[in-house]
Amino acid sequence: QSFFRSRAFLSGPIMFRVARFLLAEQLVLRENVGKVAVLKLNRPKALNALNLEIVTELANNLKVVDKDPAIGCIIITGEGRAFAAGADIKMMAGKKFADMMSQDPFAILDLTMRSMQKPMIAAVNGFAFGGGCEVAMSCDIIVASKAAMFGQPEIKIGTIPGMGGTQRLVQAIGKSKAMELVLTGEPITADQAEKAGLVSHVVDPDKLMPKAMEIANRIAALSKPIVTLAKLSTLKSVEAAGLNEGLAFEKRCFQSTFALGDQREGMVAFAEKRAPNWKDN
C-alpha cells in the first residue's frame, strides 16, 4: 500500500496541513451548480486584490467553463468583504514603462473576458475598485449587494484605469458621470450605481447569490447558441463601432439563428403555446 493511501497519512495532522495548503493556493474557487458555473475570487485577506496569479487563474477557469457544453451561464463573485478591491499595488509599484509594455499583467484576463461566448454575471458582494470594477464591467450583467461600492480610484495613486475602465464606464453611465469617477477617484454606492445604469439589481447581502443564480438559471435554460448570438450582437452596440456596423452585425446574427434547429423549435413552440425543448443546435 502506498504512503499516500495509508490511513495514518489520510487521517493525521499531515493531511490536514496539506489540505489547508492546497486550499490556500486555490485563488479561484469553481463550482458547477446545474448549468451555472460559479467562480469565486479567493484572496479575502487581501480583499481579493488582483495579482498575476489570481488573474491567470481566473482567466484559465473562464476558458474551461466557456468550453464546457454543460454550462450555460457564469457567475463571478468574491470571497469575504470584497468583490475585488483593485490591482495588487505591490505587484505594480516597481514596474516601469518598458515592463508594462512588455508584460501587461492584466492582458490575459482582459483578452479572455472579451472573447467569452457564454454570458457572465458579476455578483458584487463588496468593494469593486479599480481592476475589480473593470472585471465587473467586463461581465455582461452586474448584480450588487447593498454593501457593494464601485470606483476607479487609480488617479489617486498616480495612474489611470488600465483594463477598460475609462471606456466601459462611459458606455455604461455616460461621459459626465464617468469623468467624475475617473478624475476624482471617488466611489459610488450600489444604489448610485443602479441609478446610473451600471448595475441591474441591488439586493440585500443575503439575497445576492440567489438573485444572481435566478438570472443565470433563466439564461442557462435557453438555447446556448442563440444566447451566444444575442450576447455578441448586443455587445456590438457598446463596442467602438459605428451604428451601421453594429446594425449590420446584429442583422448577420439574427439571420444566423435561422440556420439552427433551436430557432425553428422556438417559433413552433410559441405557435403551439408550449415550452420549447432546446437541443442547443
C-alpha atoms as a PDB file:
ATOM      1  CA  GLN A   1       0.000   0.000   0.000  1.00  0.00           C
ATOM      2  CA  SER A   2       1.452   3.343  -0.984  1.00  0.00           C
ATOM      3  CA  PHE A   3       2.283   6.068   1.512  1.00  0.00           C
ATOM      4  CA  PHE A   4      -0.355   8.402   0.059  1.00  0.00           C
ATOM      5  CA  ARG A   5      -3.077   5.832   0.696  1.00  0.00           C
ATOM      6  CA  SER A   6      -2.028   4.937   4.180  1.00  0.00           C
ATOM      7  CA  ARG A   7      -4.636   5.519   6.832  1.00  0.00           C
ATOM      8  CA  ALA A   8      -2.139   7.307   9.045  1.00  0.00           C
ATOM      9  CA  PHE A   9      -1.444   9.870   6.326  1.00  0.00           C
ATOM     10  CA  LEU A  10      -5.085  10.426   5.407  1.00  0.00           C
ATOM     11  CA  SER A  11      -6.286  10.881   8.975  1.00  0.00           C
ATOM     12  CA  GLY A  12      -3.301  12.556  10.589  1.00  0.00           C
ATOM     13  CA  PRO A  13      -2.199  16.168  11.025  1.00  0.00           C
ATOM     14  CA  ILE A  14      -0.014  15.970   7.900  1.00  0.00           C
ATOM     15  CA  MET A  15      -3.066  15.578   5.678  1.00  0.00           C
ATOM     16  CA  PHE A  16      -4.761  18.498   7.430  1.00  0.00           C
ATOM     17  CA  ARG A  17      -1.773  20.745   6.754  1.00  0.00           C
ATOM     18  CA  VAL A  18      -1.554  19.609   3.118  1.00  0.00           C
ATOM     19  CA  ALA A  19      -5.281  20.237   2.596  1.00  0.00           C
ATOM     20  CA  ARG A  20      -5.005  23.670   4.170  1.00  0.00           C
ATOM     21  CA  PHE A  21      -2.001  24.488   1.966  1.00  0.00           C
ATOM     22  CA  LEU A  22      -3.795  23.393  -1.197  1.00  0.00           C
ATOM     23  CA  LEU A  23      -6.885  25.404  -0.286  1.00  0.00           C
ATOM     24  CA  ALA A  24      -4.765  28.485   0.400  1.00  0.00           C
ATOM     25  CA  GLU A  25      -3.175  28.130  -3.030  1.00  0.00           C
ATOM     26  CA  GLN A  26      -6.542  27.939  -4.798  1.00  0.00           C
ATOM     27  CA  LEU A  27      -7.077  31.579  -5.662  1.00  0.00           C
ATOM     28  CA  VAL A  28     -10.252  30.954  -7.676  1.00  0.00           C
ATOM     29  CA  LEU A  29     -12.856  28.501  -6.408  1.00  0.00           C
ATOM     30  CA  ARG A  30     -15.018  26.898  -9.077  1.00  0.00           C
ATOM     31  CA  GLU A  31     -18.347  25.169  -8.544  1.00  0.00           C
ATOM     32  CA  ASN A  32     -20.826  23.999 -11.152  1.00  0.00           C
ATOM     33  CA  VAL A  33     -24.420  24.368  -9.937  1.00  0.00           C
ATOM     34  CA  GLY A  34     -26.574  22.710 -12.562  1.00  0.00           C
ATOM     35  CA  LYS A  35     -25.930  24.619 -15.791  1.00  0.00           C
ATOM     36  CA  VAL A  36     -24.288  27.549 -13.981  1.00  0.00           C
ATOM     37  CA  ALA A  37     -20.565  27.834 -13.209  1.00  0.00           C
ATOM     38  CA  VAL A  38     -19.750  29.927 -10.122  1.00  0.00           C
ATOM     39  CA  LEU A  39     -16.217  31.354  -9.913  1.00  0.00           C
ATOM     40  CA  LYS A  40     -15.215  32.908  -6.602  1.00  0.00           C
ATOM     41  CA  LEU A  41     -12.106  35.066  -6.154  1.00  0.00           C
ATOM     42  CA  ASN A  42     -10.383  33.697  -3.055  1.00  0.00           C
ATOM     43  CA  ARG A  43      -7.889  36.161  -1.560  1.00  0.00           C
ATOM     44  CA  PRO A  44     -10.116  37.507   1.209  1.00  0.00           C
ATOM     45  CA  LYS A  45      -7.259  38.706   3.428  1.00  0.00           C
ATOM     46  CA  ALA A  46      -6.066  40.880   0.541  1.00  0.00           C
ATOM     47  CA  LEU A  47      -9.638  41.887  -0.366  1.00  0.00           C
ATOM     48  CA  ASN A  48      -9.229  39.752  -3.497  1.00  0.00           C
ATOM     49  CA  ALA A  49      -6.667  42.164  -4.921  1.00  0.00           C
ATOM     50  CA  LEU A  50      -5.722  41.186  -8.448  1.00  0.00           C
ATOM     51  CA  ASN A  51      -2.167  39.924  -8.752  1.00  0.00           C
ATOM     52  CA  LEU A  52      -0.740  37.961 -11.679  1.00  0.00           C
ATOM     53  CA  GLU A  53      -1.562  34.620 -10.068  1.00  0.00           C
ATOM     54  CA  ILE A  54      -5.261  35.276  -9.407  1.00  0.00           C
ATOM     55  CA  VAL A  55      -5.699  36.989 -12.791  1.00  0.00           C
ATOM     56  CA  THR A  56      -4.159  33.998 -14.577  1.00  0.00           C
ATOM     57  CA  GLU A  57      -6.192  31.515 -12.547  1.00  0.00           C
ATOM     58  CA  LEU A  58      -9.443  33.376 -13.249  1.00  0.00           C
ATOM     59  CA  ALA A  59      -8.651  33.527 -16.965  1.00  0.00           C
ATOM     60  CA  ASN A  60      -7.859  29.804 -17.070  1.00  0.00           C
ATOM     61  CA  ASN A  61     -11.081  28.923 -15.246  1.00  0.00           C
ATOM     62  CA  LEU A  62     -13.100  31.097 -17.615  1.00  0.00           C
ATOM     63  CA  LYS A  63     -11.601  29.326 -20.612  1.00  0.00           C
ATOM     64  CA  VAL A  64     -12.518  25.943 -19.127  1.00  0.00           C
ATOM     65  CA  VAL A  65     -16.147  26.777 -18.389  1.00  0.00           C
ATOM     66  CA  ASP A  66     -16.612  28.587 -21.698  1.00  0.00           C
ATOM     67  CA  LYS A  67     -15.787  25.313 -23.468  1.00  0.00           C
ATOM     68  CA  ASP A  68     -17.942  23.168 -21.171  1.00  0.00           C
ATOM     69  CA  PRO A  69     -21.088  22.160 -23.118  1.00  0.00           C
ATOM     70  CA  ALA A  70     -22.970  21.588 -19.861  1.00  0.00           C
ATOM     71  CA  ILE A  71     -22.585  25.221 -18.761  1.00  0.00           C
ATOM     72  CA  GLY A  72     -24.949  27.930 -19.981  1.00  0.00           C
ATOM     73  CA  CYS A  73     -24.008  30.896 -17.784  1.00  0.00           C
ATOM     74  CA  ILE A  74     -21.171  32.006 -15.489  1.00  0.00           C
ATOM     75  CA  ILE A  75     -21.216  33.937 -12.209  1.00  0.00           C
ATOM     76  CA  ILE A  76     -18.118  35.697 -10.865  1.00  0.00           C
ATOM     77  CA  THR A  77     -18.100  36.797  -7.230  1.00  0.00           C
ATOM     78  CA  GLY A  78     -15.664  37.357  -4.368  1.00  0.00           C
ATOM     79  CA  GLU A  79     -14.955  35.733  -1.023  1.00  0.00           C
ATOM     80  CA  GLY A  80     -15.240  37.932   2.063  1.00  0.00           C
ATOM     81  CA  ARG A  81     -15.842  41.679   2.159  1.00  0.00           C
ATOM     82  CA  ALA A  82     -14.752  42.450  -1.396  1.00  0.00           C
ATOM     83  CA  PHE A  83     -15.524  41.507  -4.951  1.00  0.00           C
ATOM     84  CA  ALA A  84     -12.035  42.713  -5.833  1.00  0.00           C
ATOM     85  CA  ALA A  85     -10.546  45.830  -4.295  1.00  0.00           C
ATOM     86  CA  GLY A  86      -8.365  46.593  -7.297  1.00  0.00           C
ATOM     87  CA  ALA A  87      -4.998  45.553  -8.631  1.00  0.00           C
ATOM     88  CA  ASP A  88      -2.325  44.371  -6.236  1.00  0.00           C
ATOM     89  CA  ILE A  89      -0.318  47.587  -5.908  1.00  0.00           C
ATOM     90  CA  LYS A  90       2.702  45.708  -4.545  1.00  0.00           C
ATOM     91  CA  MET A  91       2.893  43.861  -7.850  1.00  0.00           C
ATOM     92  CA  MET A  92       2.965  47.091  -9.870  1.00  0.00           C
ATOM     93  CA  ALA A  93       4.830  49.501  -7.616  1.00  0.00           C
ATOM     94  CA  GLY A  94       8.269  48.709  -9.018  1.00  0.00           C
ATOM     95  CA  LYS A  95       7.220  48.421 -12.643  1.00  0.00           C
ATOM     96  CA  LYS A  96       8.445  50.821 -15.316  1.00  0.00           C
ATOM     97  CA  PHE A  97       7.020  51.787 -18.689  1.00  0.00           C
ATOM     98  CA  ALA A  98       9.041  49.135 -20.516  1.00  0.00           C
ATOM     99  CA  ASP A  99       7.923  46.475 -18.018  1.00  0.00           C
ATOM    100  CA  MET A 100       4.237  47.214 -18.510  1.00  0.00           C
ATOM    101  CA  MET A 101       4.655  47.388 -22.287  1.00  0.00           C
ATOM    102  CA  SER A 102       6.456  44.052 -22.486  1.00  0.00           C
ATOM    103  CA  GLN A 103       4.373  42.128 -19.945  1.00  0.00           C
ATOM    104  CA  ASP A 104       0.924  43.529 -19.166  1.00  0.00           C
ATOM    105  CA  PRO A 105      -0.187  41.511 -16.116  1.00  0.00           C
ATOM    106  CA  PHE A 106      -3.865  42.005 -16.920  1.00  0.00           C
ATOM    107  CA  ALA A 107      -3.786  41.289 -20.651  1.00  0.00           C
ATOM    108  CA  ILE A 108      -4.597  37.591 -20.321  1.00  0.00           C
ATOM    109  CA  LEU A 109      -7.750  38.280 -18.295  1.00  0.00           C
ATOM    110  CA  ASP A 110      -8.877  41.206 -20.438  1.00  0.00           C
ATOM    111  CA  LEU A 111      -8.499  39.237 -23.668  1.00  0.00           C
ATOM    112  CA  THR A 112     -10.156  36.163 -22.172  1.00  0.00           C
ATOM    113  CA  MET A 113     -13.191  38.065 -20.894  1.00  0.00           C
ATOM    114  CA  ARG A 114     -13.616  39.886 -24.204  1.00  0.00           C
ATOM    115  CA  SER A 115     -13.562  36.590 -26.094  1.00  0.00           C
ATOM    116  CA  MET A 116     -16.056  34.744 -23.881  1.00  0.00           C
ATOM    117  CA  GLN A 117     -19.012  33.202 -25.686  1.00  0.00           C
ATOM    118  CA  LYS A 118     -21.139  32.465 -22.628  1.00  0.00           C
ATOM    119  CA  PRO A 119     -22.849  35.194 -20.579  1.00  0.00           C
ATOM    120  CA  MET A 120     -21.083  36.319 -17.403  1.00  0.00           C
ATOM    121  CA  ILE A 121     -22.791  37.794 -14.353  1.00  0.00           C
ATOM    122  CA  ALA A 122     -20.819  39.743 -11.753  1.00  0.00           C
ATOM    123  CA  ALA A 123     -22.288  39.202  -8.283  1.00  0.00           C
ATOM    124  CA  VAL A 124     -20.633  42.118  -6.498  1.00  0.00           C
ATOM    125  CA  ASN A 125     -20.599  41.432  -2.781  1.00  0.00           C
ATOM    126  CA  GLY A 126     -18.454  44.324  -1.564  1.00  0.00           C
ATOM    127  CA  PHE A 127     -15.694  46.599  -2.834  1.00  0.00           C
ATOM    128  CA  ALA A 128     -15.256  46.679  -6.618  1.00  0.00           C
ATOM    129  CA  PHE A 129     -12.480  49.206  -7.091  1.00  0.00           C
ATOM    130  CA  GLY A 130     -10.010  49.706  -9.910  1.00  0.00           C
ATOM    131  CA  GLY A 131      -9.376  46.396 -11.629  1.00  0.00           C
ATOM    132  CA  GLY A 132     -12.230  44.878  -9.627  1.00  0.00           C
ATOM    133  CA  CYS A 133     -14.678  47.382 -11.080  1.00  0.00           C
ATOM    134  CA  GLU A 134     -13.241  46.689 -14.528  1.00  0.00           C
ATOM    135  CA  VAL A 135     -13.711  42.932 -14.107  1.00  0.00           C
ATOM    136  CA  ALA A 136     -17.324  43.554 -13.067  1.00  0.00           C
ATOM    137  CA  MET A 137     -17.893  45.814 -16.084  1.00  0.00           C
ATOM    138  CA  SER A 138     -16.350  43.184 -18.361  1.00  0.00           C
ATOM    139  CA  CYS A 139     -19.195  40.897 -17.344  1.00  0.00           C
ATOM    140  CA  ASP A 140     -22.481  41.108 -19.207  1.00  0.00           C
ATOM    141  CA  ILE A 141     -24.715  41.753 -16.173  1.00  0.00           C
ATOM    142  CA  ILE A 142     -23.917  43.192 -12.740  1.00  0.00           C
ATOM    143  CA  VAL A 143     -25.953  42.320  -9.647  1.00  0.00           C
ATOM    144  CA  ALA A 144     -24.874  44.094  -6.480  1.00  0.00           C
ATOM    145  CA  SER A 145     -25.285  43.719  -2.761  1.00  0.00           C
ATOM    146  CA  LYS A 146     -26.377  46.837  -0.874  1.00  0.00           C
ATOM    147  CA  ALA A 147     -22.908  46.696   0.697  1.00  0.00           C
ATOM    148  CA  ALA A 148     -21.172  46.998  -2.683  1.00  0.00           C
ATOM    149  CA  MET A 149     -19.117  50.013  -3.711  1.00  0.00           C
ATOM    150  CA  PHE A 150     -17.807  50.835  -7.182  1.00  0.00           C
ATOM    151  CA  GLY A 151     -14.990  53.101  -8.274  1.00  0.00           C
ATOM    152  CA  GLN A 152     -11.900  53.748 -10.360  1.00  0.00           C
ATOM    153  CA  PRO A 153      -9.507  55.232  -7.798  1.00  0.00           C
ATOM    154  CA  GLU A 154      -6.327  54.812  -9.865  1.00  0.00           C
ATOM    155  CA  ILE A 155      -5.860  58.559 -10.256  1.00  0.00           C
ATOM    156  CA  LYS A 156      -5.258  58.765  -6.506  1.00  0.00           C
ATOM    157  CA  ILE A 157      -2.133  56.621  -6.837  1.00  0.00           C
ATOM    158  CA  GLY A 158      -0.740  58.361  -9.896  1.00  0.00           C
ATOM    159  CA  THR A 159      -2.098  56.245 -12.705  1.00  0.00           C
ATOM    160  CA  ILE A 160      -5.304  55.662 -14.658  1.00  0.00           C
ATOM    161  CA  PRO A 161      -7.568  52.662 -15.275  1.00  0.00           C
ATOM    162  CA  GLY A 162      -5.781  50.107 -17.433  1.00  0.00           C
ATOM    163  CA  MET A 163      -8.296  47.355 -18.188  1.00  0.00           C
ATOM    164  CA  GLY A 164     -11.115  49.227 -19.864  1.00  0.00           C
ATOM    165  CA  GLY A 165     -12.351  51.449 -17.034  1.00  0.00           C
ATOM    166  CA  THR A 166     -12.252  54.700 -18.994  1.00  0.00           C
ATOM    167  CA  GLN A 167     -14.097  53.079 -21.897  1.00  0.00           C
ATOM    168  CA  ARG A 168     -16.715  50.894 -20.253  1.00  0.00           C
ATOM    169  CA  LEU A 169     -17.738  53.484 -17.673  1.00  0.00           C
ATOM    170  CA  VAL A 170     -18.618  55.956 -20.417  1.00  0.00           C
ATOM    171  CA  GLN A 171     -20.643  53.291 -22.202  1.00  0.00           C
ATOM    172  CA  ALA A 172     -22.451  52.304 -19.007  1.00  0.00           C
ATOM    173  CA  ILE A 173     -23.158  55.613 -17.272  1.00  0.00           C
ATOM    174  CA  GLY A 174     -22.348  58.391 -19.757  1.00  0.00           C
ATOM    175  CA  LYS A 175     -19.398  60.733 -20.186  1.00  0.00           C
ATOM    176  CA  SER A 176     -20.097  63.242 -17.408  1.00  0.00           C
ATOM    177  CA  LYS A 177     -20.550  60.745 -14.581  1.00  0.00           C
ATOM    178  CA  ALA A 178     -17.688  58.586 -15.876  1.00  0.00           C
ATOM    179  CA  MET A 179     -15.400  61.621 -15.982  1.00  0.00           C
ATOM    180  CA  GLU A 180     -16.274  62.448 -12.381  1.00  0.00           C
ATOM    181  CA  LEU A 181     -15.444  58.929 -11.183  1.00  0.00           C
ATOM    182  CA  VAL A 182     -12.213  58.657 -13.165  1.00  0.00           C
ATOM    183  CA  LEU A 183     -10.949  62.185 -12.466  1.00  0.00           C
ATOM    184  CA  THR A 184     -11.790  62.268  -8.741  1.00  0.00           C
ATOM    185  CA  GLY A 185     -11.297  58.612  -7.907  1.00  0.00           C
ATOM    186  CA  GLU A 186     -14.301  58.782  -5.587  1.00  0.00           C
ATOM    187  CA  PRO A 187     -16.509  55.686  -5.263  1.00  0.00           C
ATOM    188  CA  ILE A 188     -20.249  55.326  -5.617  1.00  0.00           C
ATOM    189  CA  THR A 189     -22.660  53.131  -3.684  1.00  0.00           C
ATOM    190  CA  ALA A 190     -24.619  50.229  -5.122  1.00  0.00           C
ATOM    191  CA  ASP A 191     -27.793  52.343  -5.184  1.00  0.00           C
ATOM    192  CA  GLN A 192     -25.992  55.128  -7.042  1.00  0.00           C
ATOM    193  CA  ALA A 193     -24.569  52.578  -9.477  1.00  0.00           C
ATOM    194  CA  GLU A 194     -28.033  51.199 -10.161  1.00  0.00           C
ATOM    195  CA  LYS A 195     -29.460  54.691 -10.686  1.00  0.00           C
ATOM    196  CA  ALA A 196     -26.629  55.487 -13.114  1.00  0.00           C
ATOM    197  CA  GLY A 197     -27.234  52.318 -15.109  1.00  0.00           C
ATOM    198  CA  LEU A 198     -24.078  50.435 -14.145  1.00  0.00           C
ATOM    199  CA  VAL A 199     -25.933  47.787 -12.138  1.00  0.00           C
ATOM    200  CA  SER A 200     -29.048  45.768 -12.997  1.00  0.00           C
ATOM    201  CA  HIS A 201     -30.213  44.892  -9.466  1.00  0.00           C
ATOM    202  CA  VAL A 202     -29.359  45.850  -5.870  1.00  0.00           C
ATOM    203  CA  VAL A 203     -30.354  43.377  -3.179  1.00  0.00           C
ATOM    204  CA  ASP A 204     -29.710  42.616   0.478  1.00  0.00           C
ATOM    205  CA  PRO A 205     -26.366  40.843   1.014  1.00  0.00           C
ATOM    206  CA  ASP A 206     -28.006  37.500   1.798  1.00  0.00           C
ATOM    207  CA  LYS A 207     -30.056  37.738  -1.405  1.00  0.00           C
ATOM    208  CA  LEU A 208     -27.096  38.420  -3.723  1.00  0.00           C
ATOM    209  CA  MET A 209     -26.236  34.888  -4.821  1.00  0.00           C
ATOM    210  CA  PRO A 210     -29.871  33.737  -5.010  1.00  0.00           C
ATOM    211  CA  LYS A 211     -30.644  36.708  -7.299  1.00  0.00           C
ATOM    212  CA  ALA A 212     -27.587  36.068  -9.460  1.00  0.00           C
ATOM    213  CA  MET A 213     -28.450  32.366  -9.655  1.00  0.00           C
ATOM    214  CA  GLU A 214     -32.048  33.194 -10.591  1.00  0.00           C
ATOM    215  CA  ILE A 215     -30.899  35.260 -13.574  1.00  0.00           C
ATOM    216  CA  ALA A 216     -28.185  32.760 -14.523  1.00  0.00           C
ATOM    217  CA  ASN A 217     -30.609  29.825 -14.446  1.00  0.00           C
ATOM    218  CA  ARG A 218     -33.080  31.672 -16.644  1.00  0.00           C
ATOM    219  CA  ILE A 219     -30.329  32.312 -19.197  1.00  0.00           C
ATOM    220  CA  ALA A 220     -28.874  28.795 -18.943  1.00  0.00           C
ATOM    221  CA  ALA A 221     -32.296  27.256 -19.630  1.00  0.00           C
ATOM    222  CA  LEU A 222     -32.364  28.794 -23.114  1.00  0.00           C
ATOM    223  CA  SER A 223     -30.660  27.716 -26.332  1.00  0.00           C
ATOM    224  CA  LYS A 224     -26.908  28.142 -25.849  1.00  0.00           C
ATOM    225  CA  PRO A 225     -26.010  29.080 -29.444  1.00  0.00           C
ATOM    226  CA  ILE A 226     -28.847  31.593 -29.672  1.00  0.00           C
ATOM    227  CA  VAL A 227     -27.883  33.084 -26.287  1.00  0.00           C
ATOM    228  CA  THR A 228     -24.330  33.477 -27.610  1.00  0.00           C
ATOM    229  CA  LEU A 229     -25.545  35.227 -30.767  1.00  0.00           C
ATOM    230  CA  ALA A 230     -27.765  37.512 -28.698  1.00  0.00           C
ATOM    231  CA  LYS A 231     -24.828  38.377 -26.424  1.00  0.00           C
ATOM    232  CA  LEU A 232     -22.418  39.070 -29.298  1.00  0.00           C
ATOM    233  CA  SER A 233     -24.968  41.166 -31.135  1.00  0.00           C
ATOM    234  CA  THR A 234     -25.741  43.248 -28.029  1.00  0.00           C
ATOM    235  CA  LEU A 235     -22.041  43.764 -27.302  1.00  0.00           C
ATOM    236  CA  LYS A 236     -21.573  45.242 -30.766  1.00  0.00           C
ATOM    237  CA  SER A 237     -23.683  48.203 -29.711  1.00  0.00           C
ATOM    238  CA  VAL A 238     -21.281  49.116 -26.885  1.00  0.00           C
ATOM    239  CA  GLU A 239     -18.028  48.455 -28.717  1.00  0.00           C
ATOM    240  CA  ALA A 240     -16.076  51.078 -30.573  1.00  0.00           C
ATOM    241  CA  ALA A 241     -18.085  50.510 -33.743  1.00  0.00           C
ATOM    242  CA  GLY A 242     -20.337  52.796 -35.766  1.00  0.00           C
ATOM    243  CA  LEU A 243     -24.087  52.347 -35.693  1.00  0.00           C
ATOM    244  CA  ASN A 244     -24.188  50.966 -39.229  1.00  0.00           C
ATOM    245  CA  GLU A 245     -21.570  48.347 -38.434  1.00  0.00           C
ATOM    246  CA  GLY A 246     -23.424  47.377 -35.271  1.00  0.00           C
ATOM    247  CA  LEU A 247     -26.717  47.077 -37.116  1.00  0.00           C
ATOM    248  CA  ALA A 248     -25.089  45.002 -39.854  1.00  0.00           C
ATOM    249  CA  PHE A 249     -23.570  42.683 -37.283  1.00  0.00           C
ATOM    250  CA  GLU A 250     -26.900  42.363 -35.497  1.00  0.00           C
ATOM    251  CA  LYS A 251     -28.567  41.519 -38.796  1.00  0.00           C
ATOM    252  CA  ARG A 252     -25.989  38.819 -39.520  1.00  0.00           C
ATOM    253  CA  CYS A 253     -26.503  37.284 -36.070  1.00  0.00           C
ATOM    254  CA  PHE A 254     -30.277  37.426 -36.492  1.00  0.00           C
ATOM    255  CA  GLN A 255     -30.043  35.702 -39.852  1.00  0.00           C
ATOM    256  CA  SER A 256     -27.655  33.098 -38.428  1.00  0.00           C
ATOM    257  CA  THR A 257     -30.251  31.914 -35.922  1.00  0.00           C
ATOM    258  CA  PHE A 258     -32.275  30.626 -38.826  1.00  0.00           C
ATOM    259  CA  ALA A 259     -29.573  28.035 -39.503  1.00  0.00           C
ATOM    260  CA  LEU A 260     -30.265  26.475 -36.093  1.00  0.00           C
ATOM    261  CA  GLY A 261     -32.799  23.870 -35.114  1.00  0.00           C
ATOM    262  CA  ASP A 262     -33.479  25.787 -31.900  1.00  0.00           C
ATOM    263  CA  GLN A 263     -34.798  28.743 -33.870  1.00  0.00           C
ATOM    264  CA  ARG A 264     -37.333  26.508 -35.531  1.00  0.00           C
ATOM    265  CA  GLU A 265     -38.200  24.809 -32.229  1.00  0.00           C
ATOM    266  CA  GLY A 266     -38.642  28.161 -30.501  1.00  0.00           C
ATOM    267  CA  MET A 267     -41.057  29.520 -33.095  1.00  0.00           C
ATOM    268  CA  VAL A 268     -43.008  26.274 -33.373  1.00  0.00           C
ATOM    269  CA  ALA A 269     -43.314  26.063 -29.586  1.00  0.00           C
ATOM    270  CA  PHE A 270     -44.577  29.639 -29.470  1.00  0.00           C
ATOM    271  CA  ALA A 271     -47.211  28.872 -32.090  1.00  0.00           C
ATOM    272  CA  GLU A 272     -48.219  25.729 -30.205  1.00  0.00           C
ATOM    273  CA  LYS A 273     -48.286  27.582 -26.862  1.00  0.00           C
ATOM    274  CA  ARG A 274     -45.859  25.244 -25.136  1.00  0.00           C
ATOM    275  CA  ALA A 275     -42.399  25.443 -23.617  1.00  0.00           C
ATOM    276  CA  PRO A 276     -39.601  24.921 -26.160  1.00  0.00           C
ATOM    277  CA  ASN A 277     -37.360  21.881 -25.928  1.00  0.00           C
ATOM    278  CA  TRP A 278     -33.906  23.297 -26.622  1.00  0.00           C
ATOM    279  CA  LYS A 279     -31.367  20.996 -28.270  1.00  0.00           C
ATOM    280  CA  ASP A 280     -28.509  23.504 -28.452  1.00  0.00           C
ATOM    281  CA  ASN A 281     -28.109  23.099 -32.184  1.00  0.00           C
END
